[in-house]
Structures are given as C-alpha cells and as structure tokens.
C-alpha atoms as a PDB file:
ATOM      1  CA  MET A   1      74.851 115.154  93.047  1.00  0.00           C
ATOM      2  CA  ILE A   2      76.967 111.997  93.301  1.00  0.00           C
ATOM      3  CA  ILE A   3      79.847 111.465  90.883  1.00  0.00           C
ATOM      4  CA  THR A   4      81.388 108.038  90.453  1.00  0.00           C
ATOM      5  CA  LYS A   5      84.692 107.489  88.710  1.00  0.00           C
ATOM      6  CA  LEU A   6      84.564 104.731  86.097  1.00  0.00           C
ATOM      7  CA  THR A   7      87.630 102.646  85.424  1.00  0.00           C
ATOM      8  CA  GLY A   8      88.387  99.197  84.051  1.00  0.00           C
ATOM      9  CA  GLY A   9      86.153  97.023  81.891  1.00  0.00           C
ATOM     10  CA  LEU A  10      82.448  96.270  81.863  1.00  0.00           C
ATOM     11  CA  GLY A  11      82.311  94.332  85.149  1.00  0.00           C
ATOM     12  CA  ASN A  12      84.252  96.970  87.075  1.00  0.00           C
ATOM     13  CA  GLN A  13      82.095  99.752  85.670  1.00  0.00           C
ATOM     14  CA  MET A  14      78.954  97.901  86.762  1.00  0.00           C
ATOM     15  CA  PHE A  15      80.225  97.785  90.363  1.00  0.00           C
ATOM     16  CA  GLN A  16      81.160 101.475  90.290  1.00  0.00           C
ATOM     17  CA  TYR A  17      77.807 102.466  88.829  1.00  0.00           C
ATOM     18  CA  ALA A  18      75.828 100.321  91.288  1.00  0.00           C
ATOM     19  CA  ALA A  19      77.583 101.784  94.341  1.00  0.00           C
ATOM     20  CA  GLY A  20      77.137 105.339  93.099  1.00  0.00           C
ATOM     21  CA  ARG A  21      73.514 104.672  92.188  1.00  0.00           C
ATOM     22  CA  CYS A  22      72.796 103.466  95.712  1.00  0.00           C
ATOM     23  CA  LEU A  23      74.254 106.597  97.290  1.00  0.00           C
ATOM     24  CA  ALA A  24      72.404 108.808  94.806  1.00  0.00           C
ATOM     25  CA  GLU A  25      69.170 106.981  95.652  1.00  0.00           C
ATOM     26  CA  LYS A  26      69.784 107.613  99.354  1.00  0.00           C
ATOM     27  CA  TYR A  27      69.945 111.359  98.768  1.00  0.00           C
ATOM     28  CA  GLN A  28      67.401 111.396  95.921  1.00  0.00           C
ATOM     29  CA  THR A  29      69.920 113.194  93.786  1.00  0.00           C
ATOM     30  CA  ALA A  30      71.534 112.845  90.370  1.00  0.00           C
ATOM     31  CA  LEU A  31      74.309 110.366  89.612  1.00  0.00           C
ATOM     32  CA  LYS A  32      76.986 111.469  87.166  1.00  0.00           C
ATOM     33  CA  LEU A  33      79.657 109.282  85.592  1.00  0.00           C
ATOM     34  CA  ASP A  34      83.254 110.482  85.328  1.00  0.00           C
ATOM     35  CA  ILE A  35      84.803 108.765  82.302  1.00  0.00           C
ATOM     36  CA  SER A  36      87.799 111.101  82.003  1.00  0.00           C
ATOM     37  CA  GLY A  37      90.137 108.266  83.072  1.00  0.00           C
ATOM     38  CA  TYR A  38      89.706 106.573  79.705  1.00  0.00           C
ATOM     39  CA  LYS A  39      91.590 109.371  77.971  1.00  0.00           C
ATOM     40  CA  ASP A  40      95.002 108.149  79.172  1.00  0.00           C
ATOM     41  CA  GLN A  41      95.461 104.409  79.742  1.00  0.00           C
ATOM     42  CA  ARG A  42      99.205 103.917  79.540  1.00  0.00           C
ATOM     43  CA  GLY A  43     100.527 100.787  81.235  1.00  0.00           C
ATOM     44  CA  ILE A  44      97.138  99.099  81.655  1.00  0.00           C
ATOM     45  CA  THR A  45      94.804  96.982  79.560  1.00  0.00           C
ATOM     46  CA  PRO A  46      92.994  99.552  77.366  1.00  0.00           C
ATOM     47  CA  ARG A  47      89.286  99.860  78.146  1.00  0.00           C
ATOM     48  CA  GLN A  48      86.453 102.168  77.194  1.00  0.00           C
ATOM     49  CA  TYR A  49      83.134 103.306  78.607  1.00  0.00           C
ATOM     50  CA  ALA A  50      80.818 100.308  78.277  1.00  0.00           C
ATOM     51  CA  LEU A  51      77.586 100.951  80.183  1.00  0.00           C
ATOM     52  CA  GLY A  52      75.681 102.594  77.324  1.00  0.00           C
ATOM     53  CA  ILE A  53      74.121  99.237  76.411  1.00  0.00           C
ATOM     54  CA  PHE A  54      72.061  99.196  79.625  1.00  0.00           C
ATOM     55  CA  ASN A  55      68.907 101.029  80.699  1.00  0.00           C
ATOM     56  CA  ILE A  56      70.808 103.039  83.281  1.00  0.00           C
ATOM     57  CA  LYS A  57      70.421 106.656  84.306  1.00  0.00           C
ATOM     58  CA  LYS A  58      73.259 108.014  82.213  1.00  0.00           C
ATOM     59  CA  GLU A  59      74.659 111.482  82.745  1.00  0.00           C
ATOM     60  CA  PHE A  60      78.325 112.304  82.297  1.00  0.00           C
ATOM     61  CA  ALA A  61      80.310 114.556  84.619  1.00  0.00           C
ATOM     62  CA  VAL A  62      82.083 117.521  83.087  1.00  0.00           C
ATOM     63  CA  ASP A  63      85.130 119.417  84.360  1.00  0.00           C
ATOM     64  CA  ASN A  64      82.998 121.875  86.320  1.00  0.00           C
ATOM     65  CA  ASP A  65      81.292 118.978  88.108  1.00  0.00           C
ATOM     66  CA  VAL A  66      84.517 117.235  89.046  1.00  0.00           C
ATOM     67  CA  GLY A  67      86.143 120.402  90.304  1.00  0.00           C
ATOM     68  CA  TYR A  68      89.730 121.422  90.819  1.00  0.00           C
ATOM     69  CA  VAL A  69      90.018 119.574  94.124  1.00  0.00           C
ATOM     70  CA  ILE A  70      89.602 116.220  92.379  1.00  0.00           C
ATOM     71  CA  ILE A  71      92.158 117.151  89.755  1.00  0.00           C
ATOM     72  CA  PHE A  72      94.515 118.252  92.533  1.00  0.00           C
ATOM     73  CA  PHE A  73      94.185 114.990  94.488  1.00  0.00           C
ATOM     74  CA  ASN A  74      94.951 112.883  91.426  1.00  0.00           C
ATOM     75  CA  SER A  75      97.566 114.876  89.577  1.00  0.00           C
ATOM     76  CA  ASN A  76     100.612 115.439  91.762  1.00  0.00           C
ATOM     77  CA  LYS A  77     102.600 114.194  94.746  1.00  0.00           C
ATOM     78  CA  VAL A  78     101.546 117.116  96.927  1.00  0.00           C
ATOM     79  CA  GLY A  79      97.903 116.277  96.248  1.00  0.00           C
ATOM     80  CA  LYS A  80      98.417 112.663  97.283  1.00  0.00           C
ATOM     81  CA  ILE A  81     100.108 113.727 100.517  1.00  0.00           C
ATOM     82  CA  PHE A  82      97.313 116.207 101.240  1.00  0.00           C
ATOM     83  CA  LEU A  83      94.785 113.430 100.598  1.00  0.00           C
ATOM     84  CA  LYS A  84      96.195 111.418 103.510  1.00  0.00           C
ATOM     85  CA  PHE A  85      95.367 114.252 105.909  1.00  0.00           C
ATOM     86  CA  TYR A  86      92.067 114.996 104.180  1.00  0.00           C
ATOM     87  CA  ASN A  87      90.985 111.391 104.783  1.00  0.00           C
ATOM     88  CA  LEU A  88      91.355 111.916 108.532  1.00  0.00           C
ATOM     89  CA  LEU A  89      88.255 114.105 108.418  1.00  0.00           C
ATOM     90  CA  PRO A  90      84.906 112.414 109.171  1.00  0.00           C
ATOM     91  CA  ILE A  91      83.613 111.164 105.835  1.00  0.00           C
ATOM     92  CA  LYS A  92      80.461 113.296 106.021  1.00  0.00           C
ATOM     93  CA  TYR A  93      82.652 116.418 105.746  1.00  0.00           C
ATOM     94  CA  ARG A  94      84.518 115.201 102.684  1.00  0.00           C
ATOM     95  CA  HIS A  95      83.507 115.610  99.058  1.00  0.00           C
ATOM     96  CA  TYR A  96      86.114 113.139  97.799  1.00  0.00           C
ATOM     97  CA  THR A  97      85.784 109.526  98.949  1.00  0.00           C
ATOM     98  CA  LYS A  98      88.553 107.158  97.945  1.00  0.00           C
ATOM     99  CA  GLU A  99      88.110 103.457  98.663  1.00  0.00           C
ATOM    100  CA  PRO A 100      90.566 102.754 101.525  1.00  0.00           C
ATOM    101  CA  HIS A 101      90.757  98.980 101.039  1.00  0.00           C
ATOM    102  CA  PHE A 102      89.242  96.227  98.892  1.00  0.00           C
ATOM    103  CA  ASN A 103      86.819  94.783 101.456  1.00  0.00           C
ATOM    104  CA  PHE A 104      83.538  96.485 102.305  1.00  0.00           C
ATOM    105  CA  TYR A 105      83.871 100.008 103.733  1.00  0.00           C
ATOM    106  CA  PRO A 106      80.799 100.663 105.961  1.00  0.00           C
ATOM    107  CA  GLN A 107      81.563 104.391 106.173  1.00  0.00           C
ATOM    108  CA  PHE A 108      80.722 104.592 102.462  1.00  0.00           C
ATOM    109  CA  PHE A 109      77.096 105.259 103.372  1.00  0.00           C
ATOM    110  CA  ASN A 110      78.098 108.227 105.527  1.00  0.00           C
ATOM    111  CA  ALA A 111      79.465 110.057 102.499  1.00  0.00           C
ATOM    112  CA  GLY A 112      77.404 113.174 101.982  1.00  0.00           C
ATOM    113  CA  ASP A 113      75.571 114.541  99.002  1.00  0.00           C
ATOM    114  CA  ASN A 114      77.906 116.138  96.439  1.00  0.00           C
ATOM    115  CA  SER A 115      80.418 113.306  96.851  1.00  0.00           C
ATOM    116  CA  TYR A 116      82.962 112.055  94.328  1.00  0.00           C
ATOM    117  CA  LEU A 117      83.540 108.282  94.574  1.00  0.00           C
ATOM    118  CA  ASP A 118      86.911 106.835  93.585  1.00  0.00           C
ATOM    119  CA  GLY A 119      87.234 103.069  93.936  1.00  0.00           C
ATOM    120  CA  TYR A 120      86.186  99.642  92.719  1.00  0.00           C
ATOM    121  CA  TRP A 121      83.468  99.021  95.368  1.00  0.00           C
ATOM    122  CA  GLN A 122      83.374  95.283  94.621  1.00  0.00           C
ATOM    123  CA  SER A 123      80.775  94.001  97.056  1.00  0.00           C
ATOM    124  CA  GLU A 124      77.015  93.720  96.743  1.00  0.00           C
ATOM    125  CA  LYS A 125      76.854  95.328 100.198  1.00  0.00           C
ATOM    126  CA  TYR A 126      77.288  98.691  98.507  1.00  0.00           C
ATOM    127  CA  PHE A 127      74.037  98.308  96.553  1.00  0.00           C
ATOM    128  CA  LYS A 128      72.113  95.328  97.947  1.00  0.00           C
ATOM    129  CA  GLU A 129      69.372  97.536  99.370  1.00  0.00           C
ATOM    130  CA  ILE A 130      68.502  98.711  95.846  1.00  0.00           C
ATOM    131  CA  GLY A 131      69.142  95.339  94.218  1.00  0.00           C
ATOM    132  CA  GLU A 132      65.876  95.366  92.268  1.00  0.00           C
ATOM    133  CA  ILE A 133      66.656  98.796  90.819  1.00  0.00           C
ATOM    134  CA  ILE A 134      70.095  97.605  89.741  1.00  0.00           C
ATOM    135  CA  ARG A 135      68.647  94.481  88.107  1.00  0.00           C
ATOM    136  CA  GLN A 136      66.150  96.572  86.175  1.00  0.00           C
ATOM    137  CA  GLU A 137      68.772  99.049  85.022  1.00  0.00           C
ATOM    138  CA  PHE A 138      71.236  96.345  83.981  1.00  0.00           C
ATOM    139  CA  ILE A 139      68.812  95.120  81.329  1.00  0.00           C
ATOM    140  CA  LEU A 140      69.970  95.535  77.745  1.00  0.00           C
ATOM    141  CA  LYS A 141      68.386  98.314  75.751  1.00  0.00           C
ATOM    142  CA  LYS A 142      66.079  97.010  73.063  1.00  0.00           C
ATOM    143  CA  GLU A 143      68.485  97.823  70.242  1.00  0.00           C
ATOM    144  CA  TYR A 144      71.222  95.717  71.881  1.00  0.00           C
ATOM    145  CA  PHE A 145      69.064  92.713  72.766  1.00  0.00           C
ATOM    146  CA  LYS A 146      69.943  90.499  69.800  1.00  0.00           C
ATOM    147  CA  LEU A 147      70.703  87.206  71.508  1.00  0.00           C
ATOM    148  CA  ASN A 148      70.693  83.962  69.538  1.00  0.00           C
ATOM    149  CA  ALA A 149      67.179  82.543  69.995  1.00  0.00           C
ATOM    150  CA  ASP A 150      68.194  78.895  69.529  1.00  0.00           C
ATOM    151  CA  LEU A 151      71.001  79.212  72.074  1.00  0.00           C
ATOM    152  CA  LEU A 152      68.736  81.013  74.518  1.00  0.00           C
ATOM    153  CA  ASN A 153      66.096  78.293  74.200  1.00  0.00           C
ATOM    154  CA  LEU A 154      68.690  75.584  74.853  1.00  0.00           C
ATOM    155  CA  ILE A 155      69.830  77.432  77.964  1.00  0.00           C
ATOM    156  CA  LYS A 156      66.255  77.679  79.213  1.00  0.00           C
ATOM    157  CA  GLN A 157      65.327  74.049  78.435  1.00  0.00           C
ATOM    158  CA  THR A 158      68.277  72.371  80.186  1.00  0.00           C
ATOM    159  CA  ASP A 159      69.862  72.417  83.631  1.00  0.00           C
ATOM    160  CA  SER A 160      72.216  74.987  82.167  1.00  0.00           C
ATOM    161  CA  ILE A 161      75.515  75.825  83.831  1.00  0.00           C
ATOM    162  CA  SER A 162      77.583  78.753  82.640  1.00  0.00           C
ATOM    163  CA  LEU A 163      81.327  78.271  83.068  1.00  0.00           C
ATOM    164  CA  HIS A 164      83.644  81.227  82.551  1.00  0.00           C
ATOM    165  CA  ILE A 165      87.400  80.998  82.082  1.00  0.00           C
ATOM    166  CA  ARG A 166      89.329  84.239  81.832  1.00  0.00           C
ATOM    167  CA  ARG A 167      92.858  84.295  80.479  1.00  0.00           C
ATOM    168  CA  SER A 168      93.845  87.114  78.036  1.00  0.00           C
ATOM    169  CA  ASP A 169      95.379  89.949  80.085  1.00  0.00           C
ATOM    170  CA  TYR A 170      95.548  87.716  83.192  1.00  0.00           C
ATOM    171  CA  ILE A 171      98.211  85.874  81.189  1.00  0.00           C
ATOM    172  CA  THR A 172      99.768  88.508  78.940  1.00  0.00           C
ATOM    173  CA  ASN A 173      99.784  91.529  81.259  1.00  0.00           C
ATOM    174  CA  LYS A 174     102.540  91.153  83.852  1.00  0.00           C
ATOM    175  CA  SER A 175     100.817  93.305  86.468  1.00  0.00           C
ATOM    176  CA  ALA A 176      97.440  91.552  86.050  1.00  0.00           C
ATOM    177  CA  ASN A 177      99.138  88.159  86.158  1.00  0.00           C
ATOM    178  CA  GLN A 178     100.957  88.966  89.389  1.00  0.00           C
ATOM    179  CA  THR A 179      97.804  90.410  90.977  1.00  0.00           C
ATOM    180  CA  HIS A 180      95.049  88.099  89.760  1.00  0.00           C
ATOM    181  CA  GLY A 181      96.508  84.975  88.217  1.00  0.00           C
ATOM    182  CA  THR A 182      94.111  82.469  86.672  1.00  0.00           C
ATOM    183  CA  CYS A 183      91.840  79.807  88.130  1.00  0.00           C
ATOM    184  CA  SER A 184      93.263  76.299  87.820  1.00  0.00           C
ATOM    185  CA  ILE A 185      91.781  73.421  85.849  1.00  0.00           C
ATOM    186  CA  ASP A 186      91.378  71.620  89.183  1.00  0.00           C
ATOM    187  CA  TYR A 187      89.155  74.452  90.399  1.00  0.00           C
ATOM    188  CA  TYR A 188      86.867  74.048  87.392  1.00  0.00           C
ATOM    189  CA  LYS A 189      86.762  70.265  87.716  1.00  0.00           C
ATOM    190  CA  MET A 190      85.807  70.503  91.397  1.00  0.00           C
ATOM    191  CA  ALA A 191      83.233  73.179  90.634  1.00  0.00           C
ATOM    192  CA  ILE A 192      81.634  71.098  87.890  1.00  0.00           C
ATOM    193  CA  GLU A 193      81.496  68.063  90.165  1.00  0.00           C
ATOM    194  CA  ARG A 194      79.927  70.117  92.971  1.00  0.00           C
ATOM    195  CA  VAL A 195      77.126  71.443  90.770  1.00  0.00           C
ATOM    196  CA  VAL A 196      76.474  68.461  88.512  1.00  0.00           C
ATOM    197  CA  LYS A 197      75.816  65.939  91.299  1.00  0.00           C
ATOM    198  CA  GLN A 198      72.688  67.894  92.232  1.00  0.00           C
ATOM    199  CA  LEU A 199      71.232  68.134  88.710  1.00  0.00           C
ATOM    200  CA  ARG A 200      69.289  65.721  86.515  1.00  0.00           C
ATOM    201  CA  ASN A 201      70.020  67.219  83.109  1.00  0.00           C
ATOM    202  CA  PRO A 202      73.298  69.184  83.383  1.00  0.00           C
ATOM    203  CA  TYR A 203      74.485  71.045  80.323  1.00  0.00           C
ATOM    204  CA  LEU A 204      77.633  73.209  80.191  1.00  0.00           C
ATOM    205  CA  PHE A 205      77.791  76.537  78.381  1.00  0.00           C
ATOM    206  CA  ILE A 206      81.406  77.642  78.281  1.00  0.00           C
ATOM    207  CA  PHE A 207      82.512  81.251  77.948  1.00  0.00           C
ATOM    208  CA  SER A 208      86.148  82.294  77.557  1.00  0.00           C
ATOM    209  CA  ASP A 209      88.457  84.790  75.892  1.00  0.00           C
ATOM    210  CA  ASP A 210      90.682  81.808  74.957  1.00  0.00           C
ATOM    211  CA  ILE A 211      88.183  79.160  73.909  1.00  0.00           C
ATOM    212  CA  GLN A 212      90.683  76.969  72.060  1.00  0.00           C
ATOM    213  CA  TRP A 213      92.770  76.677  75.218  1.00  0.00           C
ATOM    214  CA  VAL A 214      89.651  75.566  77.072  1.00  0.00           C
ATOM    215  CA  LYS A 215      88.861  72.914  74.453  1.00  0.00           C
ATOM    216  CA  ASP A 216      92.408  71.614  74.699  1.00  0.00           C
ATOM    217  CA  ASN A 217      92.679  71.610  78.489  1.00  0.00           C
ATOM    218  CA  LEU A 218      89.277  71.192  80.137  1.00  0.00           C
ATOM    219  CA  LYS A 219      87.903  67.777  79.229  1.00  0.00           C
ATOM    220  CA  THR A 220      84.357  66.804  80.134  1.00  0.00           C
ATOM    221  CA  ASP A 221      81.810  64.162  79.146  1.00  0.00           C
ATOM    222  CA  LEU A 222      78.903  66.524  79.776  1.00  0.00           C
ATOM    223  CA  PRO A 223      76.845  67.958  76.926  1.00  0.00           C
ATOM    224  CA  THR A 224      78.661  71.183  76.149  1.00  0.00           C
ATOM    225  CA  THR A 225      78.264  74.288  74.025  1.00  0.00           C
ATOM    226  CA  TYR A 226      81.289  76.541  73.575  1.00  0.00           C
ATOM    227  CA  VAL A 227      79.538  79.888  73.401  1.00  0.00           C
ATOM    228  CA  SER A 228      82.533  82.140  72.819  1.00  0.00           C
ATOM    229  CA  ASP A 229      83.071  81.704  69.093  1.00  0.00           C
ATOM    230  CA  GLY A 230      83.941  85.303  68.248  1.00  0.00           C
ATOM    231  CA  ASN A 231      80.419  86.201  67.152  1.00  0.00           C
ATOM    232  CA  TYR A 232      79.166  87.591  70.456  1.00  0.00           C
ATOM    233  CA  LYS A 233      79.807  90.951  72.080  1.00  0.00           C
ATOM    234  CA  ASP A 234      81.092  90.832  75.648  1.00  0.00           C
ATOM    235  CA  TYR A 235      77.823  92.176  77.034  1.00  0.00           C
ATOM    236  CA  GLU A 236      75.885  89.508  75.102  1.00  0.00           C
ATOM    237  CA  GLU A 237      77.976  86.816  76.759  1.00  0.00           C
ATOM    238  CA  LEU A 238      77.413  88.349  80.186  1.00  0.00           C
ATOM    239  CA  ILE A 239      73.638  88.353  79.672  1.00  0.00           C
ATOM    240  CA  LEU A 240      73.697  84.791  78.320  1.00  0.00           C
ATOM    241  CA  MET A 241      75.508  83.739  81.516  1.00  0.00           C
ATOM    242  CA  SER A 242      72.740  85.353  83.541  1.00  0.00           C
ATOM    243  CA  TYR A 243      70.110  83.260  81.732  1.00  0.00           C
ATOM    244  CA  CYS A 244      71.838  80.018  82.740  1.00  0.00           C
ATOM    245  CA  LYS A 245      70.276  78.323  85.760  1.00  0.00           C
ATOM    246  CA  HIS A 246      73.627  77.895  87.541  1.00  0.00           C
ATOM    247  CA  ASN A 247      77.027  79.560  87.263  1.00  0.00           C
ATOM    248  CA  ILE A 248      80.679  78.675  87.692  1.00  0.00           C
ATOM    249  CA  ILE A 249      82.627  81.910  87.615  1.00  0.00           C
ATOM    250  CA  ALA A 250      86.249  82.946  87.233  1.00  0.00           C
ATOM    251  CA  ASN A 251      88.079  85.444  89.431  1.00  0.00           C
ATOM    252  CA  SER A 252      86.560  88.116  87.240  1.00  0.00           C
ATOM    253  CA  SER A 253      83.997  90.847  87.869  1.00  0.00           C
ATOM    254  CA  PHE A 254      82.618  90.024  84.410  1.00  0.00           C
ATOM    255  CA  SER A 255      81.301  86.568  85.326  1.00  0.00           C
ATOM    256  CA  TRP A 256      80.529  87.770  88.877  1.00  0.00           C
ATOM    257  CA  TRP A 257      77.860  89.966  87.335  1.00  0.00           C
ATOM    258  CA  GLY A 258      76.667  87.187  85.039  1.00  0.00           C
ATOM    259  CA  ALA A 259      75.969  85.133  88.168  1.00  0.00           C
ATOM    260  CA  TRP A 260      74.540  87.986  90.252  1.00  0.00           C
ATOM    261  CA  LEU A 261      72.027  88.889  87.541  1.00  0.00           C
ATOM    262  CA  ASN A 262      70.851  85.262  87.372  1.00  0.00           C
ATOM    263  CA  LEU A 263      67.244  85.340  88.645  1.00  0.00           C
ATOM    264  CA  ASN A 264      66.899  81.602  89.309  1.00  0.00           C
ATOM    265  CA  PRO A 265      65.898  81.405  93.008  1.00  0.00           C
ATOM    266  CA  ASP A 266      67.510  77.961  93.258  1.00  0.00           C
ATOM    267  CA  LYS A 267      70.733  78.841  91.503  1.00  0.00           C
ATOM    268  CA  MET A 268      74.059  77.409  92.549  1.00  0.00           C
ATOM    269  CA  VAL A 269      76.978  79.756  92.015  1.00  0.00           C
ATOM    270  CA  VAL A 270      80.530  78.506  92.469  1.00  0.00           C
ATOM    271  CA  ALA A 271      83.293  81.083  92.872  1.00  0.00           C
ATOM    272  CA  PRO A 272      87.038  80.778  93.562  1.00  0.00           C
ATOM    273  CA  LYS A 273      87.879  81.447  97.182  1.00  0.00           C
ATOM    274  CA  ASN A 274      91.282  82.782  96.075  1.00  0.00           C
ATOM    275  CA  TRP A 275      90.321  85.788  93.957  1.00  0.00           C
ATOM    276  CA  PHE A 276      93.833  87.236  93.886  1.00  0.00           C
ATOM    277  CA  ILE A 277      97.329  85.824  93.951  1.00  0.00           C
ATOM    278  CA  ASP A 278      98.323  89.014  95.756  1.00  0.00           C
ATOM    279  CA  LYS A 279      97.394  88.278  99.379  1.00  0.00           C
ATOM    280  CA  ARG A 280      97.240  91.949 100.328  1.00  0.00           C
ATOM    281  CA  TYR A 281      93.643  92.077  99.077  1.00  0.00           C
ATOM    282  CA  ASN A 282      90.945  91.191 101.580  1.00  0.00           C
ATOM    283  CA  THR A 283      88.107  89.590  99.578  1.00  0.00           C
ATOM    284  CA  THR A 284      85.895  88.787 102.575  1.00  0.00           C
ATOM    285  CA  ASP A 285      82.957  90.783 101.187  1.00  0.00           C
ATOM    286  CA  LEU A 286      83.355  90.060  97.492  1.00  0.00           C
ATOM    287  CA  ILE A 287      81.469  86.761  97.239  1.00  0.00           C
ATOM    288  CA  PRO A 288      77.784  86.788  98.365  1.00  0.00           C
ATOM    289  CA  GLU A 289      77.110  84.566 101.366  1.00  0.00           C
ATOM    290  CA  ASN A 290      74.931  82.046  99.521  1.00  0.00           C
ATOM    291  CA  TRP A 291      77.523  81.362  96.825  1.00  0.00           C
ATOM    292  CA  ILE A 292      79.828  78.337  97.061  1.00  0.00           C
ATOM    293  CA  LYS A 293      83.537  79.046  97.421  1.00  0.00           C
ATOM    294  CA  ILE A 294      86.109  76.481  96.258  1.00  0.00           C
END
C-alpha cells in the first residue's frame, strides 16, 4: 500500500496523486489518499479535496492506515527532531518519505511498499514512465464533462492558444505573494509573440481568476475569447486549456497541468523561467525539457 498526502488545490493534488500512483504501479499495490490535512487550514488559502471529478483509482486512507508514526512526525517538536535522524536511514527502510527539496528527488523510487508520501512532487519525472495511465485517469467522469460545445469547437477549429493569468491569493495572501509573486505583463507579451509568429490563424483563449484585470492590462489585437466569465468550474477551465493547441502558462500548477494534458504532438508551451520569487526553490525539474522558458 502507498499513501500519498494531499494538500493544496487541484493542480497540487494532481502532482501528489500522479507521484503516488507511479510508486503504487511499481509495486502493483493499492494507492490511498490522505485528505486529513483539509480538516485544519488555518493561515493558508482554504482548499478541499478536488480529484473526485476524474477517473482515478480513489481510495481514502483512514487513521489505521496512516498510523501513529505519521501522526507523531507531524504533531510535535520532538517528532520533527526525530524525523531528521529518521531521514538518515536508507529510504528503502523508511515508511515515511518527506520531500527533502523542491527539485526532483531520484531516491523517491527507492521508497518501499507501505510508504507514506509527504510532499508536492512537482516534476513529471515522478510519473513520466506511466504518463499514459495518468492521462487516462485525469479524464473527467462522464457526469462532469459538460463543456460548452460552441467554445470547444472554436478551440478545435483555430490555432488556439490558452493563456492563464493567476492573481487571487498570489496577490492577497502575504505568504503566497512573497513566495510566488505573479508573472509580469512583459512575460505574457513575450510569450504571445514567441508563439504567434509560428502560427497562421492564432486565437487567444484567456483564463484568469481576475479577468477584468486582464482586460484592463493585457492589450492584444489578436482574436480573443475571455473564457473565465464565472460560469465555469475550475476543472472545466483546466480541461479547456488542455484542448487548446498551444499553451502559455502562469507560475501555477493549475495551468501546468492544462498544458501537460494537451495531446497536440506539435504543441508549443511557454512557461515562466522564474516560478518563484523566493530563490531558495530549485525549479530545475519543474518545466519539461521541450517547453519554452521565458
């Protein structure tokens, strides 16, 4: 059994699921999801379990699965001190694997069966070898697939480019602002220019949690549809991004997944090379090699 701790919003949960799913596939064992962290979310942007919309293998961990050792590691100062010594053990002898840093951790695959995974695991290297499985499982369940047919047809009939601008908590939450920051207008202008010059019929589809700000600040002469009008669920927007032929993403796991799920073999994906303001994070393995970094 592999247990993966879920935290954060939809994009983060998708990374955590994908990494856990890959390790579970290696051992041909069950994957369980620990969602207990959503019970107490003081001091952070409130989130909730969000993966139920997908055709994933869903099984939730219970207290007996998680075990007292996990509770001990996460609940007191003594546990955190003990964890430092525990992490000196070879990973194959541990049952609790905490992500040691943001960049890819190769020892992840040495974690044994019956492992509890605690981290963000934000690199396709954690699940690339089962990429087709992940793509199939991150398909909306039939009851959630209610995308606007006219919009979907327009996306399919044009050289569609999704462009995602994230603001919300990156602006209003002090911690998120100091860690992430937001992508500049100059970034988006350069990204648009980079993609458009290679297309015959470019058409922008803009997604944002602050669409009026985008209308006021990002000017373009390209044919444009502002998708985020308050009528779409977040997962609907993510899937609509994935149907676009090309993608310009924000420093957000949400649009990262919109681009990664894009099946166009000739897609151009532009991503910000500076994912964080906080330089302590090593993002070397975050952006796939064939994506364009600006």
